Protein backbone atom coordinates (compact mmCIF):
# COMPACT_ATOMS: atom_id res chain seq x y z
CA MET A 1 107.01 88.35 86.12
CA LYS A 2 108.36 88.29 82.63
CA HIS A 3 106.66 91.46 81.37
CA THR A 4 106.64 94.33 83.83
CA LEU A 5 105.25 97.84 84.05
CA LYS A 6 108.01 100.32 84.80
CA GLN A 7 106.86 103.78 83.76
CA ASN A 8 105.05 106.06 86.19
CA TYR A 9 102.42 107.01 83.59
CA GLU A 10 101.49 103.32 83.16
CA PHE A 11 100.87 102.98 86.89
CA ARG A 12 98.89 106.26 87.02
CA ARG A 13 96.73 105.21 84.06
CA LEU A 14 95.84 101.96 85.82
CA TYR A 15 95.02 103.72 89.08
CA ARG A 16 92.80 106.19 87.23
CA LYS A 17 91.11 104.03 84.58
CA GLY A 18 91.49 100.43 85.73
CA ARG A 19 89.11 98.26 87.70
CA SER A 20 90.19 97.50 91.24
CA ALA A 21 89.56 94.97 93.98
CA ALA A 22 90.89 95.06 97.53
CA THR A 23 91.47 92.15 99.88
CA ARG A 24 93.23 91.87 103.22
CA HIS A 25 96.71 91.51 101.72
CA VAL A 26 96.60 93.21 98.32
CA VAL A 27 94.80 95.65 96.05
CA LEU A 28 94.70 94.76 92.35
CA TYR A 29 94.24 97.31 89.58
CA VAL A 30 93.47 95.76 86.19
CA ARG A 31 92.99 97.09 82.66
CA ARG A 32 93.07 95.49 79.20
CA ASN A 33 96.28 96.22 77.32
CA GLY A 34 95.61 94.85 73.81
CA ARG A 35 98.66 92.58 73.91
CA ALA A 36 99.00 88.80 74.01
CA GLN A 37 100.48 88.70 77.51
CA ASN A 38 99.92 90.25 80.92
CA ARG A 39 102.17 93.04 82.18
CA THR A 40 102.60 93.40 85.92
CA GLY A 41 103.81 96.09 88.30
CA LEU A 42 104.33 96.03 92.06
CA THR A 43 103.82 98.82 94.57
CA VAL A 44 105.24 98.42 98.08
CA SER A 45 105.09 101.57 100.17
CA PRO A 46 107.83 102.62 102.61
CA LYS A 47 105.04 102.66 105.22
CA LEU A 48 105.33 98.86 105.32
CA GLY A 49 108.85 98.96 106.72
CA GLY A 50 112.50 99.26 105.83
CA ALA A 51 114.25 97.98 102.73
CA VAL A 52 114.57 94.41 104.04
CA VAL A 53 110.85 94.19 104.82
CA ARG A 54 109.83 95.73 101.49
CA SER A 55 112.10 93.35 99.57
CA ARG A 56 110.59 90.37 101.39
CA VAL A 57 107.07 91.59 100.56
CA LYS A 58 108.04 92.02 96.89
CA ARG A 59 109.40 88.45 96.77
CA LEU A 60 106.19 87.24 98.41
CA LEU A 61 104.02 89.07 95.85
CA ARG A 62 106.09 87.80 92.91
CA GLU A 63 105.82 84.21 94.15
CA ALA A 64 102.06 84.49 94.70
CA TRP A 65 101.66 85.97 91.20
CA ARG A 66 103.80 83.20 89.68
CA ALA A 67 101.64 80.54 91.35
CA LEU A 68 98.44 82.23 90.20
CA SER A 69 99.39 83.14 86.62
CA PRO A 70 98.33 79.85 84.92
CA GLU A 71 94.76 80.56 86.14
CA LEU A 72 94.65 84.11 84.71
CA ARG A 73 93.37 85.50 81.41
CA SER A 74 95.90 87.10 79.06
CA GLY A 75 96.03 90.62 77.71
CA TYR A 76 95.85 92.71 80.89
CA ASP A 77 97.99 95.25 82.72
CA VAL A 78 97.97 94.55 86.46
CA VAL A 79 99.31 96.58 89.36
CA ILE A 80 99.58 94.78 92.70
CA VAL A 81 99.64 97.04 95.74
CA ALA A 82 100.82 95.48 99.01
CA ARG A 83 98.87 96.22 102.18
CA THR A 84 100.12 96.15 105.77
CA ALA A 85 98.78 92.62 106.35
CA CYS A 86 101.31 91.37 103.77
CA VAL A 87 104.26 91.92 106.10
CA PRO A 88 103.71 88.95 108.46
CA ALA A 89 101.81 86.83 105.88
CA LYS A 90 102.80 83.52 104.33
CA THR A 91 102.84 82.84 100.59
CA GLY A 92 99.70 80.69 100.67
CA ASP A 93 97.70 83.42 102.38
CA VAL A 94 98.79 86.05 99.87
CA THR A 95 98.10 83.71 96.93
CA ALA A 96 94.57 83.02 98.20
CA SER A 97 94.00 86.72 98.75
CA MET A 98 95.28 87.55 95.27
CA ARG A 99 93.05 84.86 93.74
CA LYS A 100 90.03 86.39 95.47
CA ALA A 101 90.89 89.87 94.14
CA ALA A 102 91.52 88.49 90.62
CA ARG A 103 88.12 86.82 90.67
CA ALA A 104 86.49 90.10 91.75
CA VAL A 105 87.91 92.01 88.76
CA GLY A 106 87.21 89.21 86.27
CA LEU A 107 90.83 88.22 85.71
CA LEU A 108 90.44 84.49 86.45
CA LYS A 109 89.76 82.10 83.58
CA GLU A 110 86.43 80.31 83.54
CA GLY A 111 86.57 77.08 85.51
CA ALA A 112 89.53 78.16 87.70
CA LYS A 113 89.49 76.73 91.20
CA PRO A 114 87.36 78.49 93.80
């Protein structure tokens, strides 16, 4: 995640005005940003567990996003919200779940794998 969202107002704008798609492991909020690259933010609630668990989930989400990013269109702001099912999940499961959500919001490039 080279370009990240950090400001609270950026997250709130995406929650309010962005398109969203929910899967078992993640919820994606997406909105065009008018830039050449995607900007990404992560949300991992304390409800998921302590600091160690939340850090593991963040690493898992970053890895899934890294694996998926060559298949994605450019020029979007994306917020990835972790769900409870993320805690025991493996990277492959989260990547597949994220791909499904990205397809639902129209973030995948044409001809990306199913």
